[in-house]
């Protein structure tokens, strides 16, 4: 008998549901089995007949040994494949704070459910690179540093169901949201469809969050962003010390990095202007104090204070000053970012690679990210680090914000 037809010793049957063809998930499932030196046999495949119908795949997989099977099941789980004959999720208690059992299940950013007492429980606060902890109230993602002694941590891969975000057939004409990163995409098209998504998020009662870097100020984007904040199109601003410093420098002294905002010429001794801006904010007791005293009366930070829009300034090793409002404890800053991202429907990442990547790591896969940067590598890096829902718009961020504010505010 041909050895290639002989059954391999380790076998499992898995099932997947969703838009398996449109999202190319099915071919990725097949490729993954082959990659792990396994074989597969399709037992059932039922294709959805309408735009909203899900397809159903039942697959028997085989591998030569248990290690390969365990590795394969771990990969297939992230693609939405669940063992057909599965029991409840297994848990082990954390023996110390910040210490998970060695075989803990590490989460993806996709919707996840775990089974307890025969019932599938949705996992709350979904994010990548976390653990799932079962509590009396349900299941929740918890970061390693947040684990407490005695937490019931899900281990292994049984009793876990991952539901990847599927690419549905394009019923709304948002072909731009195909997650491709291209410098040839028309800015007007990207703006129009981003604005449409923001309007839909508003109707759904979800939040619009902006993550921005100092390039927003350097490229003339502070004015349009201020208008968006003033008109209620921003629910939270997440950034670093630099954006606030240069925004305040521009508001107080008319320069950004010592360059005049109005004509692009270098200001004499302008290199010290950012420190003068920081000093002025310290004298006022903080950004809010500077606004209330009348010292600061224009700019992005001014509009946030006036509109009651929360902002988080996350510090870094290279910060000058920093401003008194800047959070220099990285764990605390990350916590603050994470809280303001809860309930977000769309996140605009504007020319800030590190903050965009950090934000993407905190978001579930169903929250769309529009990543705007003149450098296409930025959006690529955000996607490559697991944030597959990120859409790249390669253009000048100031131009993008100008078009976006005109589109939304004139609507």
Protein backbone atom coordinates (compact mmCIF):
# COMPACT_ATOMS: atom_id res chain seq x y z
CA UNK A 1 0.00 0.00 0.00
CA UNK A 2 1.17 3.51 -0.80
CA UNK A 3 2.55 5.05 2.46
CA UNK A 4 1.05 8.42 1.52
CA UNK A 5 -2.42 6.92 1.90
CA UNK A 6 -1.74 5.38 5.31
CA UNK A 7 -3.47 7.30 8.14
CA UNK A 8 -1.11 9.18 10.44
CA UNK A 9 -1.21 8.18 14.13
CA UNK A 10 -2.54 11.46 15.58
CA UNK A 11 -5.92 12.70 14.37
CA UNK A 12 -8.32 15.50 15.29
CA UNK A 13 -11.50 16.87 13.78
CA UNK A 14 -11.93 20.65 13.76
CA UNK A 15 -14.70 22.97 12.64
CA UNK A 16 -14.76 26.57 11.45
CA UNK A 17 -17.59 28.98 10.69
CA UNK A 18 -17.58 32.39 8.98
CA UNK A 19 -16.82 34.06 5.66
CA UNK A 20 -14.13 31.49 4.99
CA UNK A 21 -13.72 32.08 1.26
CA UNK A 22 -13.98 35.88 1.06
CA UNK A 23 -11.45 36.25 3.87
CA UNK A 24 -9.12 33.58 2.42
CA UNK A 25 -9.28 31.84 5.80
CA UNK A 26 -9.97 28.43 4.31
CA UNK A 27 -6.83 28.40 2.16
CA UNK A 28 -4.82 29.58 5.18
CA UNK A 29 -6.23 26.64 7.17
CA UNK A 30 -5.17 24.19 4.45
CA UNK A 31 -1.72 25.78 4.10
CA UNK A 32 -1.19 25.64 7.87
CA UNK A 33 -1.90 21.89 8.00
CA UNK A 34 0.63 21.25 5.24
CA UNK A 35 3.16 23.57 6.89
CA UNK A 36 3.08 21.39 10.02
CA UNK A 37 3.69 18.20 7.98
CA UNK A 38 0.08 17.19 8.43
CA UNK A 39 -2.71 15.99 6.18
CA UNK A 40 -6.31 17.08 5.96
CA UNK A 41 -9.56 15.69 4.68
CA UNK A 42 -12.61 17.91 4.18
CA UNK A 43 -15.56 16.10 5.73
CA UNK A 44 -18.11 18.91 5.36
CA UNK A 45 -18.05 22.22 3.54
CA UNK A 46 -21.21 24.28 3.27
CA UNK A 47 -20.84 27.66 1.58
CA UNK A 48 -22.99 30.60 2.65
CA UNK A 49 -25.54 31.45 -0.01
CA UNK A 50 -26.03 35.14 0.83
CA UNK A 51 -23.81 38.05 1.90
CA UNK A 52 -24.69 37.48 5.54
CA UNK A 53 -24.62 33.66 5.61
CA UNK A 54 -21.56 32.03 7.15
CA UNK A 55 -19.84 29.02 5.62
CA UNK A 56 -19.16 25.85 7.62
CA UNK A 57 -16.03 23.71 7.35
CA UNK A 58 -15.45 20.38 9.10
CA UNK A 59 -11.91 19.06 8.65
CA UNK A 60 -10.09 15.96 9.77
CA UNK A 61 -6.38 16.63 10.34
CA UNK A 62 -3.56 14.16 10.92
CA UNK A 63 0.04 14.54 12.07
CA UNK A 64 2.93 12.13 12.66
CA UNK A 65 3.35 12.97 16.36
CA UNK A 66 1.67 14.67 19.30
CA UNK A 67 4.01 17.68 19.34
CA UNK A 68 3.16 18.56 15.75
CA UNK A 69 -0.54 18.08 16.46
CA UNK A 70 -0.42 20.40 19.48
CA UNK A 71 1.44 23.03 17.46
CA UNK A 72 -0.99 22.66 14.56
CA UNK A 73 -4.05 22.97 16.77
CA UNK A 74 -2.60 26.11 18.30
CA UNK A 75 -2.21 27.68 14.86
CA UNK A 76 -5.64 26.52 13.67
CA UNK A 77 -7.26 27.91 16.81
CA UNK A 78 -6.13 31.40 15.80
CA UNK A 79 -7.80 30.85 12.41
CA UNK A 80 -11.12 30.05 14.05
CA UNK A 81 -10.89 26.24 14.05
CA UNK A 82 -12.31 24.57 17.15
CA UNK A 83 -11.99 20.85 17.92
CA UNK A 84 -15.33 19.26 17.08
CA UNK A 85 -15.36 17.13 20.21
CA UNK A 86 -14.37 19.55 22.90
CA UNK A 87 -14.96 19.84 26.62
CA UNK A 88 -14.78 22.75 29.03
CA UNK A 89 -11.74 25.00 29.17
CA UNK A 90 -9.09 23.84 31.61
CA UNK A 91 -7.81 26.29 34.22
CA UNK A 92 -4.99 26.40 36.71
CA UNK A 93 -4.57 28.80 39.60
CA UNK A 94 -1.84 31.41 39.48
CA UNK A 95 0.62 30.57 42.25
CA UNK A 96 1.96 34.12 42.61
CA UNK A 97 1.12 37.60 41.43
CA UNK A 98 2.26 38.25 37.83
CA UNK A 99 3.03 34.55 37.30
CA UNK A 100 0.86 32.47 34.95
CA UNK A 101 0.95 28.67 34.66
CA UNK A 102 3.54 27.73 32.04
CA UNK A 103 0.97 26.31 29.59
CA UNK A 104 -1.32 29.36 29.72
CA UNK A 105 -3.33 30.20 26.61
CA UNK A 106 -2.01 33.42 25.03
CA UNK A 107 -4.78 35.46 23.47
CA UNK A 108 -5.14 36.95 20.00
CA UNK A 109 -7.03 40.18 19.32
CA UNK A 110 -9.97 38.27 17.82
CA UNK A 111 -13.29 37.63 19.55
CA UNK A 112 -12.78 34.71 21.89
CA UNK A 113 -15.11 32.44 23.85
CA UNK A 114 -14.31 29.81 26.47
CA UNK A 115 -16.52 27.00 27.61
CA UNK A 116 -17.49 26.56 31.24
CA UNK A 117 -20.06 24.02 32.40
CA UNK A 118 -21.01 23.39 28.78
CA UNK A 119 -21.73 27.07 28.06
CA UNK A 120 -19.65 29.31 25.80
CA UNK A 121 -18.70 32.55 27.59
CA UNK A 122 -17.53 35.64 25.66
CA UNK A 123 -14.16 36.94 26.83
CA UNK A 124 -14.34 40.58 27.93
CA UNK A 125 -11.70 43.28 27.25
CA UNK A 126 -10.30 41.33 24.31
CA UNK A 127 -6.71 42.10 23.35
CA UNK A 128 -3.64 40.25 22.13
CA UNK A 129 -0.86 38.81 24.30
CA UNK A 130 -2.95 38.40 27.43
CA UNK A 131 -4.31 35.52 29.51
CA UNK A 132 -7.95 34.49 29.93
CA UNK A 133 -9.09 34.41 33.55
CA UNK A 134 -12.37 32.83 34.62
CA UNK A 135 -14.24 34.72 37.32
CA UNK A 136 -17.65 34.22 38.94
CA UNK A 137 -18.99 36.81 36.47
CA UNK A 138 -17.52 35.29 33.31
CA UNK A 139 -14.22 35.42 31.43
CA UNK A 140 -11.87 38.33 30.94
CA UNK A 141 -8.52 39.10 29.30
CA UNK A 142 -5.89 39.97 31.84
CA UNK A 143 -2.30 41.09 31.25
CA UNK A 144 0.54 39.20 32.86
CA UNK A 145 1.38 42.07 35.19
CA UNK A 146 -2.25 42.20 36.36
CA UNK A 147 -2.50 38.53 37.37
CA UNK A 148 -3.13 37.89 41.05
CA UNK A 149 -2.36 34.84 43.11
CA UNK A 150 -5.32 32.48 42.90
CA UNK A 151 -6.64 33.67 39.50
CA UNK A 152 -8.13 30.81 37.44
CA UNK A 153 -6.05 31.05 34.25
CA UNK A 154 -7.15 29.17 31.12
CA UNK A 155 -4.45 26.74 29.99
CA UNK A 156 -4.00 24.53 26.95
CA UNK A 157 -6.20 24.86 23.87
CA UNK A 158 -9.36 22.94 24.75
CA UNK A 159 -12.65 24.65 25.34
CA UNK A 160 -11.50 27.80 23.52
CA UNK A 161 -13.16 29.27 20.45
CA UNK A 162 -11.60 32.11 18.42
CA UNK A 163 -13.71 34.02 15.91
CA UNK A 164 -11.49 35.93 13.44
CA UNK A 165 -12.85 39.06 11.83
CA UNK A 166 -14.13 38.06 8.43
CA UNK A 167 -14.03 40.09 5.26
CA UNK A 168 -17.66 40.20 4.21
CA UNK A 169 -18.66 40.84 0.63
CA UNK A 170 -18.39 44.57 -0.01
CA UNK A 171 -21.99 45.64 0.39
CA UNK A 172 -21.20 49.22 1.42
CA UNK A 173 -18.63 50.16 -1.21
CA UNK A 174 -15.81 50.40 1.32
CA UNK A 175 -13.35 48.72 -0.98
CA UNK A 176 -10.71 51.05 0.46
CA UNK A 177 -11.03 49.16 3.75
CA UNK A 178 -9.35 46.11 2.24
CA UNK A 179 -6.29 46.64 4.46
CA UNK A 180 -3.98 47.21 1.53
CA UNK A 181 -1.19 49.77 1.98
CA UNK A 182 -0.62 51.79 -1.13
CA UNK A 183 0.72 55.25 -1.95
CA UNK A 184 -1.50 55.23 -5.04
CA UNK A 185 -4.74 55.40 -3.08
CA UNK A 186 -6.38 58.77 -3.69
CA UNK A 187 -6.45 60.94 -0.59
CA UNK A 188 -9.96 62.14 -1.46
CA UNK A 189 -11.23 58.56 -1.60
CA UNK A 190 -9.57 57.61 1.68
CA UNK A 191 -10.94 60.73 3.35
CA UNK A 192 -14.46 60.17 2.06
CA UNK A 193 -14.59 56.60 3.27
CA UNK A 194 -12.91 57.40 6.59
CA UNK A 195 -15.49 60.13 7.15
CA UNK A 196 -18.28 57.68 6.33
CA UNK A 197 -16.91 55.22 8.88
CA UNK A 198 -16.65 57.96 11.50
CA UNK A 199 -20.27 58.96 10.86
CA UNK A 200 -21.33 55.32 11.23
CA UNK A 201 -19.39 55.00 14.47
CA UNK A 202 -21.19 58.08 15.76
CA UNK A 203 -24.58 56.56 14.87
CA UNK A 204 -23.57 53.35 16.66
CA UNK A 205 -22.77 55.29 19.83
CA UNK A 206 -19.10 54.30 19.83
CA UNK A 207 -16.00 56.40 20.35
CA UNK A 208 -13.64 58.01 17.86
CA UNK A 209 -10.10 57.99 19.24
CA UNK A 210 -7.13 59.85 17.73
CA UNK A 211 -3.51 58.77 18.21
CA UNK A 212 -1.23 61.55 17.00
CA UNK A 213 2.43 62.42 16.71
CA UNK A 214 4.16 65.83 16.54
CA UNK A 215 4.25 65.63 12.74
CA UNK A 216 0.61 66.72 12.91
CA UNK A 217 1.85 70.12 14.10
CA UNK A 218 4.85 70.32 11.73
CA UNK A 219 2.67 69.64 8.65
CA UNK A 220 -0.04 72.16 9.49
CA UNK A 221 -2.51 69.57 10.77
CA UNK A 222 -3.04 71.17 14.18
CA UNK A 223 -5.67 73.58 12.83
CA UNK A 224 -7.87 70.91 11.18
CA UNK A 225 -7.46 68.57 14.17
CA UNK A 226 -8.48 71.42 16.48
CA UNK A 227 -11.60 71.94 14.36
CA UNK A 228 -12.49 68.24 14.58
CA UNK A 229 -12.13 68.36 18.37
CA UNK A 230 -14.18 71.56 18.60
CA UNK A 231 -16.96 70.07 16.47
CA UNK A 232 -17.20 66.89 18.56
CA UNK A 233 -15.49 64.41 16.22
CA UNK A 234 -12.85 63.29 18.74
CA UNK A 235 -13.64 61.47 21.99
CA UNK A 236 -10.07 60.98 23.22
CA UNK A 237 -6.57 62.05 22.17
CA UNK A 238 -3.68 59.68 22.82
CA UNK A 239 -0.18 60.96 22.15
CA UNK A 240 3.23 61.61 23.62
CA UNK A 241 4.83 64.59 25.26
CA UNK A 242 6.13 65.86 21.90
CA UNK A 243 2.79 66.58 20.22
CA UNK A 244 1.61 68.64 23.17
CA UNK A 245 4.92 70.51 23.47
CA UNK A 246 5.06 71.52 19.82
CA UNK A 247 1.35 72.34 19.71
CA UNK A 248 1.77 74.62 22.72
CA UNK A 249 4.99 76.09 21.26
CA UNK A 250 3.06 76.96 18.10
CA UNK A 251 0.20 78.46 20.11
CA UNK A 252 2.40 80.56 22.39
CA UNK A 253 5.37 81.44 20.20
CA UNK A 254 4.30 80.81 16.61
CA UNK A 255 6.99 78.19 15.96
CA UNK A 256 7.23 74.42 15.79
CA UNK A 257 10.70 73.01 16.52
CA UNK A 258 11.89 76.60 16.20
CA UNK A 259 10.48 77.00 12.68
CA UNK A 260 7.88 79.70 12.09
CA UNK A 261 4.49 78.18 11.40
CA UNK A 262 3.37 81.00 9.12
CA UNK A 263 6.29 81.13 6.67
CA UNK A 264 8.55 78.13 7.39
CA UNK A 265 11.58 80.25 8.27
CA UNK A 266 13.89 79.54 11.19
CA UNK A 267 13.26 81.77 14.19
CA UNK A 268 16.36 83.29 15.76
CA UNK A 269 17.14 81.27 18.89
CA UNK A 270 14.05 79.24 18.02
CA UNK A 271 15.71 76.02 19.16
CA UNK A 272 14.87 76.97 22.75
CA UNK A 273 11.22 77.76 22.11
CA UNK A 274 9.95 74.30 23.03
CA UNK A 275 11.61 74.66 26.44
CA UNK A 276 10.05 78.10 26.86
CA UNK A 277 6.67 76.53 26.10
CA UNK A 278 7.19 73.79 28.70
CA UNK A 279 8.29 76.38 31.24
CA UNK A 280 5.15 78.44 30.62
CA UNK A 281 2.93 75.43 31.28
CA UNK A 282 4.75 74.70 34.55
CA UNK A 283 4.19 78.31 35.63
CA UNK A 284 0.47 77.83 34.91
CA UNK A 285 0.31 74.57 36.89
CA UNK A 286 -0.44 72.40 33.86
CA UNK A 287 -2.22 72.55 30.51
CA UNK A 288 -5.68 73.01 32.03
CA UNK A 289 -4.35 75.81 34.24
CA UNK A 290 -2.82 77.52 31.21
CA UNK A 291 -6.19 77.44 29.43
CA UNK A 292 -8.15 78.64 32.46
CA UNK A 293 -5.73 81.53 33.05
CA UNK A 294 -5.91 82.62 29.43
CA UNK A 295 -2.22 81.92 28.84
CA UNK A 296 -3.09 79.22 26.28
CA UNK A 297 -5.94 80.16 23.96
CA UNK A 298 -5.48 78.19 20.76
CA UNK A 299 -4.27 74.81 19.49
CA UNK A 300 -5.04 71.13 19.88
CA UNK A 301 -4.48 70.94 23.64
CA UNK A 302 -6.52 74.12 24.18
CA UNK A 303 -9.46 72.63 22.26
CA UNK A 304 -9.26 69.38 24.26
CA UNK A 305 -9.54 71.28 27.54
CA UNK A 306 -12.33 73.54 26.29
CA UNK A 307 -14.34 70.63 24.85
CA UNK A 308 -13.70 68.33 27.81
CA UNK A 309 -11.97 65.77 25.56
CA UNK A 310 -9.65 63.57 27.65
CA UNK A 311 -6.04 63.30 26.55
CA UNK A 312 -3.14 61.08 27.58
CA UNK A 313 0.46 62.18 27.16
CA UNK A 314 2.69 59.11 27.40
CA UNK A 315 6.29 59.95 28.21
CA UNK A 316 9.49 58.46 26.83
CA UNK A 317 13.20 58.44 27.58
CA UNK A 318 13.91 61.20 25.06
CA UNK A 319 11.33 63.75 26.32
CA UNK A 320 12.40 67.28 27.15
CA UNK A 321 10.74 68.64 30.27
CA UNK A 322 8.47 66.79 30.14
CA UNK A 323 5.20 68.69 30.54
CA UNK A 324 3.63 68.35 33.98
CA UNK A 325 0.68 66.48 32.41
CA UNK A 326 2.92 63.81 30.88
CA UNK A 327 2.71 60.35 32.45
CA UNK A 328 6.27 59.10 32.84
CA UNK A 329 5.41 55.71 34.35
CA UNK A 330 5.00 53.47 31.28
CA UNK A 331 2.64 51.02 32.98
CA UNK A 332 0.43 53.86 34.13
CA UNK A 333 0.48 55.45 30.66
CA UNK A 334 -0.42 52.14 29.04
CA UNK A 335 -3.31 51.70 31.48
CA UNK A 336 -4.58 55.18 30.64
CA UNK A 337 -4.42 54.48 26.90
CA UNK A 338 -6.23 51.19 27.40
CA UNK A 339 -9.09 52.75 29.36
CA UNK A 340 -9.76 55.41 26.75
CA UNK A 341 -9.75 52.77 23.99
CA UNK A 342 -12.61 50.88 25.60
CA UNK A 343 -15.75 51.38 23.53
CA UNK A 344 -13.86 52.70 20.50
CA UNK A 345 -15.37 52.12 17.07
CA UNK A 346 -12.53 53.62 15.03
CA UNK A 347 -9.01 54.82 15.82
CA UNK A 348 -7.16 57.32 13.65
CA UNK A 349 -3.39 56.88 13.96
CA UNK A 350 -1.72 60.01 12.65
CA UNK A 351 2.03 59.85 11.98
CA UNK A 352 3.15 58.21 15.22
CA UNK A 353 4.65 54.78 14.62
CA UNK A 354 5.43 53.69 18.19
CA UNK A 355 2.18 54.96 19.67
CA UNK A 356 0.23 53.42 16.76
CA UNK A 357 1.84 50.01 17.31
CA UNK A 358 1.21 50.22 21.06
CA UNK A 359 -2.42 51.17 20.47
CA UNK A 360 -2.90 48.35 17.98
CA UNK A 361 -1.64 45.87 20.58
CA UNK A 362 -4.42 46.96 22.94
CA UNK A 363 -7.31 46.80 20.48
CA UNK A 364 -9.60 43.93 19.55
CA UNK A 365 -9.61 43.06 15.85
CA UNK A 366 -13.11 44.43 15.22
CA UNK A 367 -12.05 48.03 15.90
CA UNK A 368 -10.91 49.53 12.61
CA UNK A 369 -7.63 51.48 12.56
CA UNK A 370 -6.87 54.04 9.87
CA UNK A 371 -3.11 54.63 9.91
CA UNK A 372 -2.04 57.81 8.10
CA UNK A 373 1.66 58.39 7.43
CA UNK A 374 3.86 59.61 4.59
CA UNK A 375 6.01 56.50 5.15
CA UNK A 376 4.29 53.29 3.99
CA UNK A 377 6.52 51.24 6.29
CA UNK A 378 4.67 52.61 9.34
CA UNK A 379 1.31 51.11 8.40
CA UNK A 380 3.08 47.89 7.39
CA UNK A 381 4.76 47.61 10.78
CA UNK A 382 1.45 48.16 12.57
CA UNK A 383 -0.12 45.33 10.56
CA UNK A 384 2.88 43.03 10.87
CA UNK A 385 2.69 43.19 14.66
CA UNK A 386 -0.70 41.52 14.67
CA UNK A 387 -3.04 44.44 14.03
CA UNK A 388 -4.40 43.03 10.79
CA UNK A 389 -7.38 45.39 10.73
CA UNK A 390 -5.15 48.43 10.18
CA UNK A 391 -5.71 50.29 6.90
CA UNK A 392 -2.79 52.34 5.60
CA UNK A 393 -3.22 55.74 3.97
CA UNK A 394 0.14 56.93 2.61
CA UNK A 395 -0.01 60.71 2.44
CA UNK A 396 0.91 63.93 4.23
CA UNK A 397 -1.00 63.89 7.51
CA UNK A 398 -1.66 67.63 7.43
CA UNK A 399 -3.29 67.30 4.00
CA UNK A 400 -5.35 64.33 5.17
CA UNK A 401 -6.64 66.18 8.25
CA UNK A 402 -7.49 69.27 6.20
CA UNK A 403 -9.59 67.21 3.78
CA UNK A 404 -11.16 65.22 6.63
CA UNK A 405 -12.19 68.28 8.63
CA UNK A 406 -13.69 69.91 5.54
CA UNK A 407 -15.63 66.74 4.73
CA UNK A 408 -17.04 66.21 8.23
CA UNK A 409 -17.67 69.79 9.24
CA UNK A 410 -19.27 70.78 5.94
CA UNK A 411 -21.48 67.66 5.99
